[in-house]
Amino acid sequence: MSGDSMQYEVLSPWAEADPVPMKGLTASRQTDLNGKKIGMFCNIKQASHRIAPVVERRLKERFPSAEFSYYRGKAFSVSEMEPQNIDNFNKWIDEVDTVILAVGD
């Protein structure tokens, strides 16, 4: 507000930024999950730990030779890319052929 004139300066909440061009996924999709090791990533939310086993069971019906490996997030809103988590996460990623993410919302 400027003095007693009841005028306000209005600022835009949008910052000026260099736009990042959108690009598609670079990893190829698996066409057959038989014989593959499927990583099941569960975030910290409770329902994700119930969703993933159901997805595993349904996939096993279609792809009986598939194997499954679980990775469970350690803390709410902590990225697996942070220093305390990155080594375990990368080790797990190297051991699987593809990943399914379960979010418990």
PDB file of N, CA and C in Angstrom:
ATOM      1  N   MET A   1       0.858  -1.163   0.000  1.00  0.00           N
ATOM      2  CA  MET A   1       0.000   0.000   0.000  1.00  0.00           C
ATOM      3  C   MET A   1       0.902   1.224   0.000  1.00  0.00           C
ATOM      4  N   SER A   2       0.537   2.195  -0.758  1.00  0.00           N
ATOM      5  CA  SER A   2       1.352   3.390  -0.908  1.00  0.00           C
ATOM      6  C   SER A   2       0.688   4.561  -0.182  1.00  0.00           C
ATOM      7  N   GLY A   3       1.269   4.959   0.958  1.00  0.00           N
ATOM      8  CA  GLY A   3       0.731   6.093   1.715  1.00  0.00           C
ATOM      9  C   GLY A   3      -0.711   5.880   2.127  1.00  0.00           C
ATOM     10  N   ASP A   4      -1.497   6.982   2.106  1.00  0.00           N
ATOM     11  CA  ASP A   4      -2.913   6.916   2.464  1.00  0.00           C
ATOM     12  C   ASP A   4      -3.808   6.819   1.244  1.00  0.00           C
ATOM     13  N   SER A   5      -3.247   6.594   0.061  1.00  0.00           N
ATOM     14  CA  SER A   5      -4.044   6.626  -1.159  1.00  0.00           C
ATOM     15  C   SER A   5      -4.754   5.309  -1.447  1.00  0.00           C
ATOM     16  N   MET A   6      -4.540   4.295  -0.629  1.00  0.00           N
ATOM     17  CA  MET A   6      -5.193   2.989  -0.796  1.00  0.00           C
ATOM     18  C   MET A   6      -4.857   2.368  -2.151  1.00  0.00           C
ATOM     19  N   GLN A   7      -3.635   2.505  -2.596  1.00  0.00           N
ATOM     20  CA  GLN A   7      -3.192   1.871  -3.819  1.00  0.00           C
ATOM     21  C   GLN A   7      -2.243   0.736  -3.456  1.00  0.00           C
ATOM     22  N   TYR A   8      -2.361  -0.330  -4.180  1.00  0.00           N
ATOM     23  CA  TYR A   8      -1.532  -1.494  -3.924  1.00  0.00           C
ATOM     24  C   TYR A   8      -0.692  -1.807  -5.150  1.00  0.00           C
ATOM     25  N   GLU A   9       0.503  -2.251  -4.913  1.00  0.00           N
ATOM     26  CA  GLU A   9       1.341  -2.733  -5.999  1.00  0.00           C
ATOM     27  C   GLU A   9       1.094  -4.240  -6.094  1.00  0.00           C
ATOM     28  N   VAL A  10       0.714  -4.704  -7.256  1.00  0.00           N
ATOM     29  CA  VAL A  10       0.403  -6.114  -7.459  1.00  0.00           C
ATOM     30  C   VAL A  10       1.582  -6.774  -8.165  1.00  0.00           C
ATOM     31  N   LEU A  11       2.062  -7.850  -7.574  1.00  0.00           N
ATOM     32  CA  LEU A  11       3.179  -8.585  -8.149  1.00  0.00           C
ATOM     33  C   LEU A  11       2.695  -9.935  -8.665  1.00  0.00           C
ATOM     34  N   SER A  12       3.264 -10.371  -9.745  1.00  0.00           N
ATOM     35  CA  SER A  12       2.900 -11.673 -10.302  1.00  0.00           C
ATOM     36  C   SER A  12       3.569 -12.786  -9.494  1.00  0.00           C
ATOM     37  N   PRO A  13       2.821 -13.842  -9.176  1.00  0.00           N
ATOM     38  CA  PRO A  13       3.426 -14.969  -8.444  1.00  0.00           C
ATOM     39  C   PRO A  13       4.260 -15.873  -9.354  1.00  0.00           C
ATOM     40  N   TRP A  14       4.217 -15.643 -10.655  1.00  0.00           N
ATOM     41  CA  TRP A  14       4.950 -16.478 -11.602  1.00  0.00           C
ATOM     42  C   TRP A  14       6.356 -15.944 -11.782  1.00  0.00           C
ATOM     43  N   ALA A  15       7.319 -16.792 -11.560  1.00  0.00           N
ATOM     44  CA  ALA A  15       8.709 -16.401 -11.770  1.00  0.00           C
ATOM     45  C   ALA A  15       9.059 -16.563 -13.240  1.00  0.00           C
ATOM     46  N   GLU A  16       9.982 -15.778 -13.692  1.00  0.00           N
ATOM     47  CA  GLU A  16      10.478 -15.968 -15.047  1.00  0.00           C
ATOM     48  C   GLU A  16      11.532 -17.059 -14.985  1.00  0.00           C
ATOM     49  N   ALA A  17      11.383 -18.050 -15.833  1.00  0.00           N
ATOM     50  CA  ALA A  17      12.323 -19.167 -15.839  1.00  0.00           C
ATOM     51  C   ALA A  17      12.530 -19.649 -17.260  1.00  0.00           C
ATOM     52  N   ASP A  18      13.680 -20.235 -17.480  1.00  0.00           N
ATOM     53  CA  ASP A  18      13.927 -20.839 -18.785  1.00  0.00           C
ATOM     54  C   ASP A  18      13.123 -22.132 -18.842  1.00  0.00           C
ATOM     55  N   PRO A  19      12.241 -22.262 -19.839  1.00  0.00           N
ATOM     56  CA  PRO A  19      11.444 -23.484 -19.917  1.00  0.00           C
ATOM     57  C   PRO A  19      12.325 -24.682 -20.281  1.00  0.00           C
ATOM     58  N   VAL A  20      12.034 -25.795 -19.654  1.00  0.00           N
ATOM     59  CA  VAL A  20      12.739 -27.036 -19.951  1.00  0.00           C
ATOM     60  C   VAL A  20      11.899 -27.805 -20.956  1.00  0.00           C
ATOM     61  N   PRO A  21      12.462 -28.121 -22.108  1.00  0.00           N
ATOM     62  CA  PRO A  21      11.659 -28.843 -23.095  1.00  0.00           C
ATOM     63  C   PRO A  21      11.243 -30.214 -22.574  1.00  0.00           C
ATOM     64  N   MET A  22      10.017 -30.589 -22.870  1.00  0.00           N
ATOM     65  CA  MET A  22       9.520 -31.887 -22.445  1.00  0.00           C
ATOM     66  C   MET A  22      10.131 -32.968 -23.319  1.00  0.00           C
ATOM     67  N   LYS A  23      10.404 -34.116 -22.715  1.00  0.00           N
ATOM     68  CA  LYS A  23      10.896 -35.244 -23.486  1.00  0.00           C
ATOM     69  C   LYS A  23      10.292 -36.519 -22.921  1.00  0.00           C
ATOM     70  N   GLY A  24      10.156 -37.505 -23.748  1.00  0.00           N
ATOM     71  CA  GLY A  24       9.562 -38.771 -23.346  1.00  0.00           C
ATOM     72  C   GLY A  24      10.519 -39.622 -22.530  1.00  0.00           C
ATOM     73  N   LEU A  25      10.009 -40.735 -22.053  1.00  0.00           N
ATOM     74  CA  LEU A  25      10.836 -41.684 -21.317  1.00  0.00           C
ATOM     75  C   LEU A  25      11.896 -42.254 -22.246  1.00  0.00           C
ATOM     76  N   THR A  26      13.078 -42.439 -21.711  1.00  0.00           N
ATOM     77  CA  THR A  26      14.157 -42.961 -22.539  1.00  0.00           C
ATOM     78  C   THR A  26      14.336 -44.470 -22.377  1.00  0.00           C
ATOM     79  N   ALA A  27      13.864 -45.026 -21.293  1.00  0.00           N
ATOM     80  CA  ALA A  27      14.004 -46.466 -21.078  1.00  0.00           C
ATOM     81  C   ALA A  27      12.967 -47.208 -21.916  1.00  0.00           C
ATOM     82  N   SER A  28      13.396 -48.310 -22.502  1.00  0.00           N
ATOM     83  CA  SER A  28      12.441 -49.101 -23.281  1.00  0.00           C
ATOM     84  C   SER A  28      11.548 -49.896 -22.327  1.00  0.00           C
ATOM     85  N   ARG A  29      10.341 -50.161 -22.761  1.00  0.00           N
ATOM     86  CA  ARG A  29       9.400 -50.914 -21.943  1.00  0.00           C
ATOM     87  C   ARG A  29       9.583 -52.405 -22.184  1.00  0.00           C
ATOM     88  N   GLN A  30       9.384 -53.177 -21.131  1.00  0.00           N
ATOM     89  CA  GLN A  30       9.473 -54.633 -21.243  1.00  0.00           C
ATOM     90  C   GLN A  30       8.261 -55.139 -22.016  1.00  0.00           C
ATOM     91  N   THR A  31       8.490 -56.033 -22.946  1.00  0.00           N
ATOM     92  CA  THR A  31       7.375 -56.591 -23.715  1.00  0.00           C
ATOM     93  C   THR A  31       6.911 -57.923 -23.140  1.00  0.00           C
ATOM     94  N   ASP A  32       7.788 -58.608 -22.400  1.00  0.00           N
ATOM     95  CA  ASP A  32       7.441 -59.891 -21.792  1.00  0.00           C
ATOM     96  C   ASP A  32       8.111 -59.951 -20.428  1.00  0.00           C
ATOM     97  N   LEU A  33       7.339 -60.181 -19.392  1.00  0.00           N
ATOM     98  CA  LEU A  33       7.892 -60.197 -18.042  1.00  0.00           C
ATOM     99  C   LEU A  33       8.318 -61.584 -17.580  1.00  0.00           C
ATOM    100  N   ASN A  34       8.083 -62.628 -18.387  1.00  0.00           N
ATOM    101  CA  ASN A  34       8.544 -63.964 -18.020  1.00  0.00           C
ATOM    102  C   ASN A  34      10.060 -63.969 -17.900  1.00  0.00           C
ATOM    103  N   GLY A  35      10.538 -64.547 -16.804  1.00  0.00           N
ATOM    104  CA  GLY A  35      11.972 -64.645 -16.579  1.00  0.00           C
ATOM    105  C   GLY A  35      12.613 -63.346 -16.125  1.00  0.00           C
ATOM    106  N   LYS A  36      11.849 -62.298 -15.967  1.00  0.00           N
ATOM    107  CA  LYS A  36      12.382 -60.999 -15.547  1.00  0.00           C
ATOM    108  C   LYS A  36      12.281 -60.856 -14.034  1.00  0.00           C
ATOM    109  N   LYS A  37      13.179 -60.052 -13.489  1.00  0.00           N
ATOM    110  CA  LYS A  37      13.112 -59.704 -12.070  1.00  0.00           C
ATOM    111  C   LYS A  37      12.460 -58.332 -11.978  1.00  0.00           C
ATOM    112  N   ILE A  38      11.291 -58.303 -11.375  1.00  0.00           N
ATOM    113  CA  ILE A  38      10.483 -57.088 -11.300  1.00  0.00           C
ATOM    114  C   ILE A  38      10.681 -56.428  -9.938  1.00  0.00           C
ATOM    115  N   GLY A  39      11.114 -55.193  -9.965  1.00  0.00           N
ATOM    116  CA  GLY A  39      11.281 -54.433  -8.737  1.00  0.00           C
ATOM    117  C   GLY A  39       9.960 -53.803  -8.347  1.00  0.00           C
ATOM    118  N   MET A  40       9.569 -54.019  -7.105  1.00  0.00           N
ATOM    119  CA  MET A  40       8.335 -53.431  -6.575  1.00  0.00           C
ATOM    120  C   MET A  40       8.738 -52.348  -5.573  1.00  0.00           C
ATOM    121  N   PHE A  41       8.622 -51.088  -5.994  1.00  0.00           N
ATOM    122  CA  PHE A  41       8.985 -49.970  -5.130  1.00  0.00           C
ATOM    123  C   PHE A  41       7.743 -49.505  -4.384  1.00  0.00           C
ATOM    124  N   CYS A  42       7.790 -49.568  -3.067  1.00  0.00           N
ATOM    125  CA  CYS A  42       6.675 -49.108  -2.224  1.00  0.00           C
ATOM    126  C   CYS A  42       7.103 -47.830  -1.520  1.00  0.00           C
ATOM    127  N   ASN A  43       6.295 -46.791  -1.639  1.00  0.00           N
ATOM    128  CA  ASN A  43       6.629 -45.600  -0.883  1.00  0.00           C
ATOM    129  C   ASN A  43       6.256 -45.822   0.588  1.00  0.00           C
ATOM    130  N   ILE A  44       6.419 -44.830   1.394  1.00  0.00           N
ATOM    131  CA  ILE A  44       6.248 -44.969   2.843  1.00  0.00           C
ATOM    132  C   ILE A  44       4.786 -45.118   3.264  1.00  0.00           C
ATOM    133  N   LYS A  45       3.861 -44.777   2.375  1.00  0.00           N
ATOM    134  CA  LYS A  45       2.443 -44.813   2.738  1.00  0.00           C
ATOM    135  C   LYS A  45       1.948 -46.247   2.893  1.00  0.00           C
ATOM    136  N   GLN A  46       1.152 -46.468   3.900  1.00  0.00           N
ATOM    137  CA  GLN A  46       0.737 -47.805   4.315  1.00  0.00           C
ATOM    138  C   GLN A  46       0.044 -48.615   3.224  1.00  0.00           C
ATOM    139  N   ALA A  47      -0.795 -47.985   2.432  1.00  0.00           N
ATOM    140  CA  ALA A  47      -1.540 -48.738   1.420  1.00  0.00           C
ATOM    141  C   ALA A  47      -0.631 -49.294   0.328  1.00  0.00           C
ATOM    142  N   SER A  48       0.511 -48.661   0.085  1.00  0.00           N
ATOM    143  CA  SER A  48       1.416 -49.166  -0.957  1.00  0.00           C
ATOM    144  C   SER A  48       1.907 -50.567  -0.610  1.00  0.00           C
ATOM    145  N   HIS A  49       2.044 -50.857   0.671  1.00  0.00           N
ATOM    146  CA  HIS A  49       2.508 -52.177   1.117  1.00  0.00           C
ATOM    147  C   HIS A  49       1.419 -53.237   0.965  1.00  0.00           C
ATOM    148  N   ARG A  50       0.202 -52.803   0.755  1.00  0.00           N
ATOM    149  CA  ARG A  50      -0.903 -53.740   0.492  1.00  0.00           C
ATOM    150  C   ARG A  50      -1.163 -53.880  -1.011  1.00  0.00           C
ATOM    151  N   ILE A  51      -0.889 -52.817  -1.758  1.00  0.00           N
ATOM    152  CA  ILE A  51      -1.123 -52.818  -3.197  1.00  0.00           C
ATOM    153  C   ILE A  51      -0.117 -53.718  -3.914  1.00  0.00           C
ATOM    154  N   ALA A  52       1.153 -53.575  -3.585  1.00  0.00           N
ATOM    155  CA  ALA A  52       2.219 -54.274  -4.312  1.00  0.00           C
ATOM    156  C   ALA A  52       2.059 -55.796  -4.314  1.00  0.00           C
ATOM    157  N   PRO A  53       1.744 -56.453  -3.190  1.00  0.00           N
ATOM    158  CA  PRO A  53       1.576 -57.907  -3.235  1.00  0.00           C
ATOM    159  C   PRO A  53       0.410 -58.356  -4.122  1.00  0.00           C
ATOM    160  N   VAL A  54      -0.622 -57.546  -4.215  1.00  0.00           N
ATOM    161  CA  VAL A  54      -1.748 -57.880  -5.091  1.00  0.00           C
ATOM    162  C   VAL A  54      -1.299 -57.791  -6.550  1.00  0.00           C
ATOM    163  N   VAL A  55      -0.547 -56.744  -6.891  1.00  0.00           N
ATOM    164  CA  VAL A  55      -0.019 -56.604  -8.244  1.00  0.00           C
ATOM    165  C   VAL A  55       0.914 -57.773  -8.544  1.00  0.00           C
ATOM    166  N   GLU A  56       1.760 -58.131  -7.596  1.00  0.00           N
ATOM    167  CA  GLU A  56       2.660 -59.272  -7.784  1.00  0.00           C
ATOM    168  C   GLU A  56       1.875 -60.553  -8.074  1.00  0.00           C
ATOM    169  N   ARG A  57       0.865 -60.820  -7.287  1.00  0.00           N
ATOM    170  CA  ARG A  57       0.059 -62.042  -7.457  1.00  0.00           C
ATOM    171  C   ARG A  57      -0.583 -62.076  -8.853  1.00  0.00           C
ATOM    172  N   ARG A  58      -1.132 -60.947  -9.285  1.00  0.00           N
ATOM    173  CA  ARG A  58      -1.783 -60.895 -10.609  1.00  0.00           C
ATOM    174  C   ARG A  58      -0.770 -61.071 -11.733  1.00  0.00           C
ATOM    175  N   LEU A  59       0.407 -60.479 -11.575  1.00  0.00           N
ATOM    176  CA  LEU A  59       1.440 -60.634 -12.598  1.00  0.00           C
ATOM    177  C   LEU A  59       1.968 -62.064 -12.643  1.00  0.00           C
ATOM    178  N   LYS A  60       2.077 -62.705 -11.484  1.00  0.00           N
ATOM    179  CA  LYS A  60       2.543 -64.097 -11.435  1.00  0.00           C
ATOM    180  C   LYS A  60       1.587 -65.021 -12.183  1.00  0.00           C
ATOM    181  N   GLU A  61       0.303 -64.691 -12.186  1.00  0.00           N
ATOM    182  CA  GLU A  61      -0.670 -65.494 -12.933  1.00  0.00           C
ATOM    183  C   GLU A  61      -0.384 -65.418 -14.432  1.00  0.00           C
ATOM    184  N   ARG A  62       0.024 -64.270 -14.912  1.00  0.00           N
ATOM    185  CA  ARG A  62       0.294 -64.067 -16.339  1.00  0.00           C
ATOM    186  C   ARG A  62       1.723 -64.414 -16.731  1.00  0.00           C
ATOM    187  N   PHE A  63       2.662 -64.221 -15.803  1.00  0.00           N
ATOM    188  CA  PHE A  63       4.082 -64.433 -16.078  1.00  0.00           C
ATOM    189  C   PHE A  63       4.681 -65.295 -14.959  1.00  0.00           C
ATOM    190  N   PRO A  64       4.429 -66.607 -14.989  1.00  0.00           N
ATOM    191  CA  PRO A  64       4.803 -67.473 -13.868  1.00  0.00           C
ATOM    192  C   PRO A  64       6.291 -67.529 -13.556  1.00  0.00           C
ATOM    193  N   SER A  65       7.157 -67.255 -14.517  1.00  0.00           N
ATOM    194  CA  SER A  65       8.591 -67.335 -14.228  1.00  0.00           C
ATOM    195  C   SER A  65       9.185 -65.991 -13.777  1.00  0.00           C
ATOM    196  N   ALA A  66       8.350 -64.987 -13.608  1.00  0.00           N
ATOM    197  CA  ALA A  66       8.840 -63.687 -13.128  1.00  0.00           C
ATOM    198  C   ALA A  66       9.225 -63.799 -11.658  1.00  0.00           C
ATOM    199  N   GLU A  67      10.257 -63.044 -11.291  1.00  0.00           N
ATOM    200  CA  GLU A  67      10.674 -62.939  -9.889  1.00  0.00           C
ATOM    201  C   GLU A  67      10.401 -61.514  -9.417  1.00  0.00           C
ATOM    202  N   PHE A  68      10.316 -61.342  -8.103  1.00  0.00           N
ATOM    203  CA  PHE A  68       9.995 -60.030  -7.556  1.00  0.00           C
ATOM    204  C   PHE A  68      10.972 -59.662  -6.452  1.00  0.00           C
ATOM    205  N   SER A  69      11.310 -58.384  -6.405  1.00  0.00           N
ATOM    206  CA  SER A  69      12.191 -57.848  -5.379  1.00  0.00           C
ATOM    207  C   SER A  69      11.565 -56.547  -4.880  1.00  0.00           C
ATOM    208  N   TYR A  70      11.472 -56.407  -3.565  1.00  0.00           N
ATOM    209  CA  TYR A  70      10.825 -55.231  -2.981  1.00  0.00           C
ATOM    210  C   TYR A  70      11.848 -54.226  -2.468  1.00  0.00           C
ATOM    211  N   TYR A  71      11.522 -52.956  -2.677  1.00  0.00           N
ATOM    212  CA  TYR A  71      12.269 -51.856  -2.069  1.00  0.00           C
ATOM    213  C   TYR A  71      11.236 -50.969  -1.396  1.00  0.00           C
ATOM    214  N   ARG A  72      11.429 -50.709  -0.135  1.00  0.00           N
ATOM    215  CA  ARG A  72      10.466 -49.903   0.624  1.00  0.00           C
ATOM    216  C   ARG A  72      11.127 -48.592   1.035  1.00  0.00           C
ATOM    217  N   GLY A  73      10.438 -47.487   0.729  1.00  0.00           N
ATOM    218  CA  GLY A  73      10.931 -46.175   1.135  1.00  0.00           C
ATOM    219  C   GLY A  73      11.132 -46.146   2.641  1.00  0.00           C
ATOM    220  N   LYS A  74      12.149 -45.430   3.076  1.00  0.00           N
ATOM    221  CA  LYS A  74      12.519 -45.440   4.488  1.00  0.00           C
ATOM    222  C   LYS A  74      11.857 -44.363   5.334  1.00  0.00           C
ATOM    223  N   ALA A  75      11.554 -43.228   4.744  1.00  0.00           N
ATOM    224  CA  ALA A  75      10.993 -42.123   5.523  1.00  0.00           C
ATOM    225  C   ALA A  75      10.098 -41.277   4.635  1.00  0.00           C
ATOM    226  N   PHE A  76       9.141 -40.622   5.235  1.00  0.00           N
ATOM    227  CA  PHE A  76       8.210 -39.768   4.505  1.00  0.00           C
ATOM    228  C   PHE A  76       8.965 -38.593   3.891  1.00  0.00           C
ATOM    229  N   SER A  77       8.738 -38.371   2.615  1.00  0.00           N
ATOM    230  CA  SER A  77       9.307 -37.235   1.885  1.00  0.00           C
ATOM    231  C   SER A  77      10.833 -37.210   1.870  1.00  0.00           C
ATOM    232  N   VAL A  78      11.461 -38.364   1.983  1.00  0.00           N
ATOM    233  CA  VAL A  78      12.916 -38.419   1.834  1.00  0.00           C
ATOM    234  C   VAL A  78      13.209 -39.153   0.541  1.00  0.00           C
ATOM    235  N   SER A  79      13.914 -38.490  -0.344  1.00  0.00           N
ATOM    236  CA  SER A  79      14.221 -39.069  -1.639  1.00  0.00           C
ATOM    237  C   SER A  79      15.243 -40.182  -1.514  1.00  0.00           C
ATOM    238  N   GLU A  80      15.069 -41.202  -2.318  1.00  0.00           N
ATOM    239  CA  GLU A  80      16.046 -42.290  -2.345  1.00  0.00           C
ATOM    240  C   GLU A  80      17.341 -41.839  -3.007  1.00  0.00           C
ATOM    241  N   MET A  81      17.343 -40.652  -3.592  1.00  0.00           N
ATOM    242  CA  MET A  81      18.546 -40.117  -4.220  1.00  0.00           C
ATOM    243  C   MET A  81      19.421 -39.355  -3.238  1.00  0.00           C
ATOM    244  N   GLU A  82      18.972 -39.185  -2.006  1.00  0.00           N
ATOM    245  CA  GLU A  82      19.770 -38.467  -1.026  1.00  0.00           C
ATOM    246  C   GLU A  82      20.906 -39.359  -0.531  1.00  0.00           C
ATOM    247  N   PRO A  83      21.998 -38.755  -0.044  1.00  0.00           N
ATOM    248  CA  PRO A  83      23.204 -39.531   0.290  1.00  0.00           C
ATOM    249  C   PRO A  83      22.977 -40.735   1.210  1.00  0.00           C
ATOM    250  N   GLN A  84      22.091 -40.617   2.157  1.00  0.00           N
ATOM    251  CA  GLN A  84      21.889 -41.723   3.097  1.00  0.00           C
ATOM    252  C   GLN A  84      21.153 -42.911   2.467  1.00  0.00           C
ATOM    253  N   ASN A  85      20.549 -42.739   1.303  1.00  0.00           N
ATOM    254  CA  ASN A  85      19.767 -43.802   0.673  1.00  0.00           C
ATOM    255  C   ASN A  85      20.306 -44.274  -0.673  1.00  0.00           C
ATOM    256  N   ILE A  86      21.103 -43.475  -1.327  1.00  0.00           N
ATOM    257  CA  ILE A  86      21.446 -43.699  -2.736  1.00  0.00           C
ATOM    258  C   ILE A  86      22.148 -45.032  -2.995  1.00  0.00           C
ATOM    259  N   ASP A  87      23.060 -45.443  -2.133  1.00  0.00           N
ATOM    260  CA  ASP A  87      23.803 -46.688  -2.388  1.00  0.00           C
ATOM    261  C   ASP A  87      22.880 -47.903  -2.373  1.00  0.00           C
ATOM    262  N   ASN A  88      22.019 -48.001  -1.376  1.00  0.00           N
ATOM    263  CA  ASN A  88      21.084 -49.136  -1.306  1.00  0.00           C
ATOM    264  C   ASN A  88      20.116 -49.115  -2.475  1.00  0.00           C
ATOM    265  N   PHE A  89      19.642 -47.942  -2.831  1.00  0.00           N
ATOM    266  CA  PHE A  89      18.701 -47.823  -3.944  1.00  0.00           C
ATOM    267  C   PHE A  89      19.357 -48.245  -5.262  1.00  0.00           C
ATOM    268  N   ASN A  90      20.553 -47.731  -5.539  1.00  0.00           N
ATOM    269  CA  ASN A  90      21.250 -48.083  -6.783  1.00  0.00           C
ATOM    270  C   ASN A  90      21.575 -49.570  -6.848  1.00  0.00           C
ATOM    271  N   LYS A  91      21.940 -50.167  -5.724  1.00  0.00           N
ATOM    272  CA  LYS A  91      22.209 -51.612  -5.695  1.00  0.00           C
ATOM    273  C   LYS A  91      20.944 -52.371  -6.083  1.00  0.00           C
ATOM    274  N   TRP A  92      19.817 -51.965  -5.527  1.00  0.00           N
ATOM    275  CA  TRP A  92      18.538 -52.621  -5.842  1.00  0.00           C
ATOM    276  C   TRP A  92      18.194 -52.443  -7.319  1.00  0.00           C
ATOM    277  N   ILE A  93      18.335 -51.235  -7.846  1.00  0.00           N
ATOM    278  CA  ILE A  93      18.024 -50.953  -9.256  1.00  0.00           C
ATOM    279  C   ILE A  93      18.862 -51.836 -10.182  1.00  0.00           C
ATOM    280  N   ASP A  94      20.129 -52.018  -9.840  1.00  0.00           N
ATOM    281  CA  ASP A  94      21.012 -52.839 -10.675  1.00  0.00           C
ATOM    282  C   ASP A  94      20.599 -54.307 -10.701  1.00  0.00           C
ATOM    283  N   GLU A  95      19.815 -54.741  -9.720  1.00  0.00           N
ATOM    284  CA  GLU A  95      19.432 -56.148  -9.610  1.00  0.00           C
ATOM    285  C   GLU A  95      18.087 -56.475 -10.262  1.00  0.00           C
ATOM    286  N   VAL A  96      17.373 -55.464 -10.761  1.00  0.00           N
ATOM    287  CA  VAL A  96      16.053 -55.709 -11.346  1.00  0.00           C
ATOM    288  C   VAL A  96      16.035 -55.313 -12.824  1.00  0.00           C
ATOM    289  N   ASP A  97      15.083 -55.907 -13.567  1.00  0.00           N
ATOM    290  CA  ASP A  97      14.948 -55.613 -14.985  1.00  0.00           C
ATOM    291  C   ASP A  97      13.965 -54.479 -15.259  1.00  0.00           C
ATOM    292  N   THR A  98      13.011 -54.305 -14.384  1.00  0.00           N
ATOM    293  CA  THR A  98      12.003 -53.265 -14.542  1.00  0.00           C
ATOM    294  C   THR A  98      11.427 -52.967 -13.151  1.00  0.00           C
ATOM    295  N   VAL A  99      10.760 -51.838 -13.023  1.00  0.00           N
ATOM    296  CA  VAL A  99      10.236 -51.415 -11.715  1.00  0.00           C
ATOM    297  C   VAL A  99       8.778 -51.010 -11.831  1.00  0.00           C
ATOM    298  N   ILE A 100       8.007 -51.395 -10.823  1.00  0.00           N
ATOM    299  CA  ILE A 100       6.627 -50.944 -10.663  1.00  0.00           C
ATOM    300  C   ILE A 100       6.583 -50.163  -9.356  1.00  0.00           C
ATOM    301  N   LEU A 101       6.009 -48.990  -9.398  1.00  0.00           N
ATOM    302  CA  LEU A 101       5.918 -48.124  -8.221  1.00  0.00           C
ATOM    303  C   LEU A 101       4.521 -48.199  -7.628  1.00  0.00           C
ATOM    304  N   ALA A 102       4.437 -48.474  -6.340  1.00  0.00           N
ATOM    305  CA  ALA A 102       3.152 -48.475  -5.633  1.00  0.00           C
ATOM    306  C   ALA A 102       3.112 -47.270  -4.707  1.00  0.00           C
ATOM    307  N   VAL A 103       2.114 -46.418  -4.897  1.00  0.00           N
ATOM    308  CA  VAL A 103       1.918 -45.239  -4.064  1.00  0.00           C
ATOM    309  C   VAL A 103       0.643 -45.451  -3.279  1.00  0.00           C
ATOM    310  N   GLY A 104       0.690 -45.267  -1.989  1.00  0.00           N
ATOM    311  CA  GLY A 104      -0.432 -45.627  -1.133  1.00  0.00           C
ATOM    312  C   GLY A 104      -1.458 -44.543  -0.915  1.00  0.00           C
ATOM    313  N   ASP A 105      -1.733 -43.689  -1.888  1.00  0.00           N
ATOM    314  CA  ASP A 105      -2.794 -42.669  -1.724  1.00  0.00           C
ATOM    315  C   ASP A 105      -4.144 -43.230  -2.085  1.00  0.00           C
TER     316      ASP A 105
END
